[in-house]
Amino acid sequence: MKPFQLDTVLDHRKRLEDIAAGRLFTAQKEKKIVKEKLYTENRKLDSLIRKAEELQSKTIPILDLINYENQINFLKNNILAITKKLQEKSKTLRQERQKLIEKSKERQIMESLKEQQNRLWRQYLDKKEAAMLDEIAIVRYDGER
């Protein structure tokens, strides 16, 4: 039995966990940016719809009304695209979170293996020390007789 000798593997697992944590943070940041963009576009759409409704109650040229309808349709399509992008970012975020959990478990397994091997090594050394002390006591006892 030897003490734990896989410190390089444990360090590598820690680095992989740190990388996974960084990717998760990046995915969270990207999702937040897309979410804010979706919120902004929805506010623009609501504002544009309200303005078009106000102008419809008044007398405005038909070309202006068509222009507003085109802008509304453009924003709706843009919102759909952003919503799809948000779903993709959410999926990526879930995947990165799962990877981080996996890397964390791998590191924890290595740490528990390290602790177990070190504990067994200490037990082995303690037994050796006890045997040596017993032998010294026997030798002394025999020497005193």
C-alpha atoms as a PDB file:
ATOM      1  CA  MET A   1       0.000   0.000   0.000  1.00  0.00           C
ATOM      2  CA  LYS A   2       1.343   3.396  -0.988  1.00  0.00           C
ATOM      3  CA  PRO A   3       0.046   6.915  -0.410  1.00  0.00           C
ATOM      4  CA  PHE A   4      -2.111   8.579  -3.057  1.00  0.00           C
ATOM      5  CA  GLN A   5      -0.030   9.169  -6.171  1.00  0.00           C
ATOM      6  CA  LEU A   6      -2.644  10.481  -8.594  1.00  0.00           C
ATOM      7  CA  ASP A   7      -2.387  14.138  -7.618  1.00  0.00           C
ATOM      8  CA  THR A   8      -1.833  15.129 -11.252  1.00  0.00           C
ATOM      9  CA  VAL A   9      -5.070  13.387 -12.227  1.00  0.00           C
ATOM     10  CA  LEU A  10      -6.902  15.130  -9.387  1.00  0.00           C
ATOM     11  CA  ASP A  11      -5.450  18.500 -10.466  1.00  0.00           C
ATOM     12  CA  HIS A  12      -6.536  17.784 -14.046  1.00  0.00           C
ATOM     13  CA  ARG A  13     -10.071  16.978 -12.855  1.00  0.00           C
ATOM     14  CA  LYS A  14     -10.143  20.259 -10.928  1.00  0.00           C
ATOM     15  CA  ARG A  15      -9.054  22.155 -14.052  1.00  0.00           C
ATOM     16  CA  LEU A  16     -11.768  20.439 -16.101  1.00  0.00           C
ATOM     17  CA  GLU A  17     -14.315  21.407 -13.460  1.00  0.00           C
ATOM     18  CA  ASP A  18     -13.087  25.018 -13.549  1.00  0.00           C
ATOM     19  CA  ILE A  19     -13.373  25.056 -17.349  1.00  0.00           C
ATOM     20  CA  ALA A  20     -16.912  23.645 -17.146  1.00  0.00           C
ATOM     21  CA  ALA A  21     -17.805  26.306 -14.563  1.00  0.00           C
ATOM     22  CA  GLY A  22     -16.464  28.997 -16.898  1.00  0.00           C
ATOM     23  CA  ARG A  23     -18.519  27.652 -19.784  1.00  0.00           C
ATOM     24  CA  LEU A  24     -21.610  27.576 -17.596  1.00  0.00           C
ATOM     25  CA  PHE A  25     -21.031  31.193 -16.597  1.00  0.00           C
ATOM     26  CA  THR A  26     -20.623  32.171 -20.261  1.00  0.00           C
ATOM     27  CA  ALA A  27     -23.819  30.313 -21.207  1.00  0.00           C
ATOM     28  CA  GLN A  28     -25.708  32.075 -18.400  1.00  0.00           C
ATOM     29  CA  LYS A  29     -24.408  35.437 -19.580  1.00  0.00           C
ATOM     30  CA  GLU A  30     -25.364  34.751 -23.206  1.00  0.00           C
ATOM     31  CA  LYS A  31     -28.849  33.634 -22.186  1.00  0.00           C
ATOM     32  CA  LYS A  32     -29.291  36.781 -20.115  1.00  0.00           C
ATOM     33  CA  ILE A  33     -28.279  38.956 -23.088  1.00  0.00           C
ATOM     34  CA  VAL A  34     -30.768  37.217 -25.394  1.00  0.00           C
ATOM     35  CA  LYS A  35     -33.479  37.457 -22.737  1.00  0.00           C
ATOM     36  CA  GLU A  36     -32.901  41.203 -22.390  1.00  0.00           C
ATOM     37  CA  LYS A  37     -32.997  41.590 -26.165  1.00  0.00           C
ATOM     38  CA  LEU A  38     -36.317  39.718 -26.280  1.00  0.00           C
ATOM     39  CA  TYR A  39     -37.714  41.963 -23.545  1.00  0.00           C
ATOM     40  CA  THR A  40     -36.593  45.076 -25.452  1.00  0.00           C
ATOM     41  CA  GLU A  41     -38.111  43.862 -28.716  1.00  0.00           C
ATOM     42  CA  ASN A  42     -41.398  43.035 -26.974  1.00  0.00           C
ATOM     43  CA  ARG A  43     -41.512  46.522 -25.508  1.00  0.00           C
ATOM     44  CA  LYS A  44     -40.853  48.022 -28.962  1.00  0.00           C
ATOM     45  CA  LEU A  45     -43.630  45.884 -30.435  1.00  0.00           C
ATOM     46  CA  ASP A  46     -46.108  46.896 -27.733  1.00  0.00           C
ATOM     47  CA  SER A  47     -45.234  50.554 -28.234  1.00  0.00           C
ATOM     48  CA  LEU A  48     -45.561  50.297 -31.997  1.00  0.00           C
ATOM     49  CA  ILE A  49     -48.927  48.516 -31.748  1.00  0.00           C
ATOM     50  CA  ARG A  50     -50.256  51.172 -29.371  1.00  0.00           C
ATOM     51  CA  LYS A  51     -49.047  53.930 -31.671  1.00  0.00           C
ATOM     52  CA  ALA A  52     -50.616  52.253 -34.734  1.00  0.00           C
ATOM     53  CA  GLU A  53     -53.928  51.888 -32.876  1.00  0.00           C
ATOM     54  CA  GLU A  54     -53.857  55.567 -31.891  1.00  0.00           C
ATOM     55  CA  LEU A  55     -53.161  56.598 -35.449  1.00  0.00           C
ATOM     56  CA  GLN A  56     -55.921  54.342 -36.773  1.00  0.00           C
ATOM     57  CA  SER A  57     -58.430  56.215 -34.700  1.00  0.00           C
ATOM     58  CA  LYS A  58     -57.218  59.384 -36.369  1.00  0.00           C
ATOM     59  CA  THR A  59     -57.156  60.032 -40.046  1.00  0.00           C
ATOM     60  CA  ILE A  60     -53.792  58.982 -41.490  1.00  0.00           C
ATOM     61  CA  PRO A  61     -52.655  58.088 -44.984  1.00  0.00           C
ATOM     62  CA  ILE A  62     -52.940  54.424 -45.871  1.00  0.00           C
ATOM     63  CA  LEU A  63     -49.213  54.247 -46.701  1.00  0.00           C
ATOM     64  CA  ASP A  64     -48.345  55.240 -43.123  1.00  0.00           C
ATOM     65  CA  LEU A  65     -50.673  52.554 -41.804  1.00  0.00           C
ATOM     66  CA  ILE A  66     -49.103  49.968 -44.129  1.00  0.00           C
ATOM     67  CA  ASN A  67     -45.679  51.106 -42.959  1.00  0.00           C
ATOM     68  CA  TYR A  68     -46.691  50.541 -39.322  1.00  0.00           C
ATOM     69  CA  GLU A  69     -48.080  47.104 -40.168  1.00  0.00           C
ATOM     70  CA  ASN A  70     -44.819  46.185 -41.925  1.00  0.00           C
ATOM     71  CA  GLN A  71     -42.812  47.332 -38.899  1.00  0.00           C
ATOM     72  CA  ILE A  72     -45.059  45.301 -36.613  1.00  0.00           C
ATOM     73  CA  ASN A  73     -44.654  42.203 -38.779  1.00  0.00           C
ATOM     74  CA  PHE A  74     -40.894  42.711 -38.873  1.00  0.00           C
ATOM     75  CA  LEU A  75     -40.749  42.971 -35.073  1.00  0.00           C
ATOM     76  CA  LYS A  76     -42.950  39.876 -34.683  1.00  0.00           C
ATOM     77  CA  ASN A  77     -40.621  37.884 -36.928  1.00  0.00           C
ATOM     78  CA  ASN A  78     -37.627  39.250 -35.063  1.00  0.00           C
ATOM     79  CA  ILE A  79     -39.216  38.236 -31.733  1.00  0.00           C
ATOM     80  CA  LEU A  80     -39.812  34.724 -33.067  1.00  0.00           C
ATOM     81  CA  ALA A  81     -36.156  34.467 -34.091  1.00  0.00           C
ATOM     82  CA  ILE A  82     -35.006  35.761 -30.711  1.00  0.00           C
ATOM     83  CA  THR A  83     -37.339  33.322 -28.932  1.00  0.00           C
ATOM     84  CA  LYS A  84     -35.827  30.459 -30.914  1.00  0.00           C
ATOM     85  CA  LYS A  85     -32.346  31.705 -30.044  1.00  0.00           C
ATOM     86  CA  LEU A  86     -33.365  31.920 -26.370  1.00  0.00           C
ATOM     87  CA  GLN A  87     -34.531  28.303 -26.484  1.00  0.00           C
ATOM     88  CA  GLU A  88     -31.167  27.291 -27.963  1.00  0.00           C
ATOM     89  CA  LYS A  89     -29.330  29.219 -25.241  1.00  0.00           C
ATOM     90  CA  SER A  90     -31.479  27.542 -22.587  1.00  0.00           C
ATOM     91  CA  LYS A  91     -30.632  24.138 -24.046  1.00  0.00           C
ATOM     92  CA  THR A  92     -26.930  25.031 -24.087  1.00  0.00           C
ATOM     93  CA  LEU A  93     -27.187  26.240 -20.502  1.00  0.00           C
ATOM     94  CA  ARG A  94     -28.754  22.939 -19.405  1.00  0.00           C
ATOM     95  CA  GLN A  95     -26.026  20.983 -21.204  1.00  0.00           C
ATOM     96  CA  GLU A  96     -23.244  23.059 -19.637  1.00  0.00           C
ATOM     97  CA  ARG A  97     -24.840  22.684 -16.197  1.00  0.00           C
ATOM     98  CA  GLN A  98     -24.976  18.908 -16.713  1.00  0.00           C
ATOM     99  CA  LYS A  99     -21.324  18.855 -17.802  1.00  0.00           C
ATOM    100  CA  LEU A 100     -20.331  20.822 -14.701  1.00  0.00           C
ATOM    101  CA  ILE A 101     -22.209  18.385 -12.478  1.00  0.00           C
ATOM    102  CA  GLU A 102     -20.462  15.483 -14.203  1.00  0.00           C
ATOM    103  CA  LYS A 103     -17.010  17.065 -13.844  1.00  0.00           C
ATOM    104  CA  SER A 104     -17.701  17.903 -10.222  1.00  0.00           C
ATOM    105  CA  LYS A 105     -18.711  14.303  -9.493  1.00  0.00           C
ATOM    106  CA  GLU A 106     -15.553  13.015 -11.176  1.00  0.00           C
ATOM    107  CA  ARG A 107     -13.410  15.321  -9.042  1.00  0.00           C
ATOM    108  CA  GLN A 108     -15.258  14.342  -5.872  1.00  0.00           C
ATOM    109  CA  ILE A 109     -14.719  10.661  -6.670  1.00  0.00           C
ATOM    110  CA  MET A 110     -10.994  11.276  -7.073  1.00  0.00           C
ATOM    111  CA  GLU A 111     -10.874  13.233  -3.815  1.00  0.00           C
ATOM    112  CA  SER A 112     -12.676  10.473  -1.943  1.00  0.00           C
ATOM    113  CA  LEU A 113     -10.281   7.926  -3.476  1.00  0.00           C
ATOM    114  CA  LYS A 114      -7.386  10.085  -2.314  1.00  0.00           C
ATOM    115  CA  GLU A 115      -8.797  10.305   1.206  1.00  0.00           C
ATOM    116  CA  GLN A 116      -9.432   6.554   1.297  1.00  0.00           C
ATOM    117  CA  GLN A 117      -5.933   5.683   0.080  1.00  0.00           C
ATOM    118  CA  ASN A 118      -4.316   8.130   2.488  1.00  0.00           C
ATOM    119  CA  ARG A 119      -6.374   6.720   5.367  1.00  0.00           C
ATOM    120  CA  LEU A 120      -5.345   3.165   4.435  1.00  0.00           C
ATOM    121  CA  TRP A 121      -1.726   4.310   4.191  1.00  0.00           C
ATOM    122  CA  ARG A 122      -1.895   5.853   7.671  1.00  0.00           C
ATOM    123  CA  GLN A 123      -3.448   2.640   9.025  1.00  0.00           C
ATOM    124  CA  TYR A 124      -0.664   0.638   7.421  1.00  0.00           C
ATOM    125  CA  LEU A 125       1.979   2.924   8.934  1.00  0.00           C
ATOM    126  CA  ASP A 126       0.263   2.789  12.322  1.00  0.00           C
ATOM    127  CA  LYS A 127       0.293  -1.029  12.215  1.00  0.00           C
ATOM    128  CA  LYS A 128       3.979  -1.025  11.240  1.00  0.00           C
ATOM    129  CA  GLU A 129       4.758   1.419  14.038  1.00  0.00           C
ATOM    130  CA  ALA A 130       2.785  -0.658  16.563  1.00  0.00           C
ATOM    131  CA  ALA A 131       4.614  -3.807  15.438  1.00  0.00           C
ATOM    132  CA  MET A 132       7.978  -2.046  15.800  1.00  0.00           C
ATOM    133  CA  LEU A 133       7.051  -0.742  19.245  1.00  0.00           C
ATOM    134  CA  ASP A 134       5.923  -4.214  20.272  1.00  0.00           C
ATOM    135  CA  GLU A 135       9.213  -5.639  19.022  1.00  0.00           C
ATOM    136  CA  ILE A 136      11.183  -2.984  20.920  1.00  0.00           C
ATOM    137  CA  ALA A 137       9.177  -3.732  24.072  1.00  0.00           C
ATOM    138  CA  ILE A 138       9.851  -7.472  23.685  1.00  0.00           C
ATOM    139  CA  VAL A 139      13.562  -6.876  23.147  1.00  0.00           C
ATOM    140  CA  ARG A 140      13.723  -4.625  26.234  1.00  0.00           C
ATOM    141  CA  TYR A 141      11.741  -7.082  28.279  1.00  0.00           C
ATOM    142  CA  ASP A 142      14.038  -9.930  27.234  1.00  0.00           C
ATOM    143  CA  GLY A 143      17.059  -7.717  27.948  1.00  0.00           C
ATOM    144  CA  GLU A 144      15.887  -6.969  31.454  1.00  0.00           C
ATOM    145  CA  ARG A 145      15.498 -10.632  32.339  1.00  0.00           C
END
